[in-house]
Amino acid sequence: MYYDETPLHFVLPSPNMPTLDTVLVYPGACLIEGTNVSEEFTE
């Protein structure tokens, strides 16, 4: 069950996380940051 399916009121955990979607994506983004995958392309 997702949080928006409950009768509870959503409280902002941070000003940088204004929506529930941001809260759902954040843990996955942190897991990717912990890997050695790079966004740069080097030749």
Protein backbone atom coordinates (compact mmCIF):
# COMPACT_ATOMS: atom_id res chain seq x y z
CA MET A 1 0.00 0.00 0.00
CA TYR A 2 1.40 3.38 -0.96
CA TYR A 3 1.22 6.31 1.41
CA ASP A 4 -1.32 8.18 -0.72
CA GLU A 5 -3.70 5.21 -0.37
CA THR A 6 -3.86 5.73 3.39
CA PRO A 7 -6.03 8.32 5.15
CA LEU A 8 -2.92 9.95 6.63
CA HIS A 9 -1.84 13.49 5.74
CA PHE A 10 1.48 13.73 3.86
CA VAL A 11 4.04 15.83 5.76
CA LEU A 12 6.98 17.20 3.79
CA PRO A 13 10.17 15.43 4.95
CA SER A 14 12.27 18.19 3.35
CA PRO A 15 11.68 21.38 1.33
CA ASN A 16 13.54 19.64 -1.51
CA MET A 17 11.00 16.78 -1.53
CA PRO A 18 7.67 18.50 -2.17
CA THR A 19 5.78 15.49 -3.57
CA LEU A 20 5.26 11.84 -2.78
CA ASP A 21 6.79 10.93 -6.15
CA THR A 22 10.07 12.55 -5.11
CA VAL A 23 10.09 10.54 -1.89
CA LEU A 24 9.56 7.30 -3.85
CA VAL A 25 12.39 8.00 -6.33
CA TYR A 26 15.00 9.24 -3.82
CA PRO A 27 16.11 5.85 -2.37
CA GLY A 28 16.70 4.44 -5.84
CA ALA A 29 18.75 7.48 -6.82
CA CYS A 30 20.91 7.03 -3.72
CA LEU A 31 21.52 3.38 -4.58
CA ILE A 32 22.69 4.32 -8.08
CA GLU A 33 24.99 7.03 -6.66
CA GLY A 34 26.69 4.35 -4.56
CA THR A 35 27.82 2.42 -7.63
CA ASN A 36 30.75 3.12 -9.88
CA VAL A 37 28.47 3.96 -12.83
CA SER A 38 29.53 7.23 -14.37
CA GLU A 39 27.49 9.75 -16.34
CA GLU A 40 30.58 10.93 -18.21
CA PHE A 41 31.63 9.59 -21.57
CA THR A 42 35.38 9.29 -22.04
CA GLU A 43 37.17 8.16 -25.14
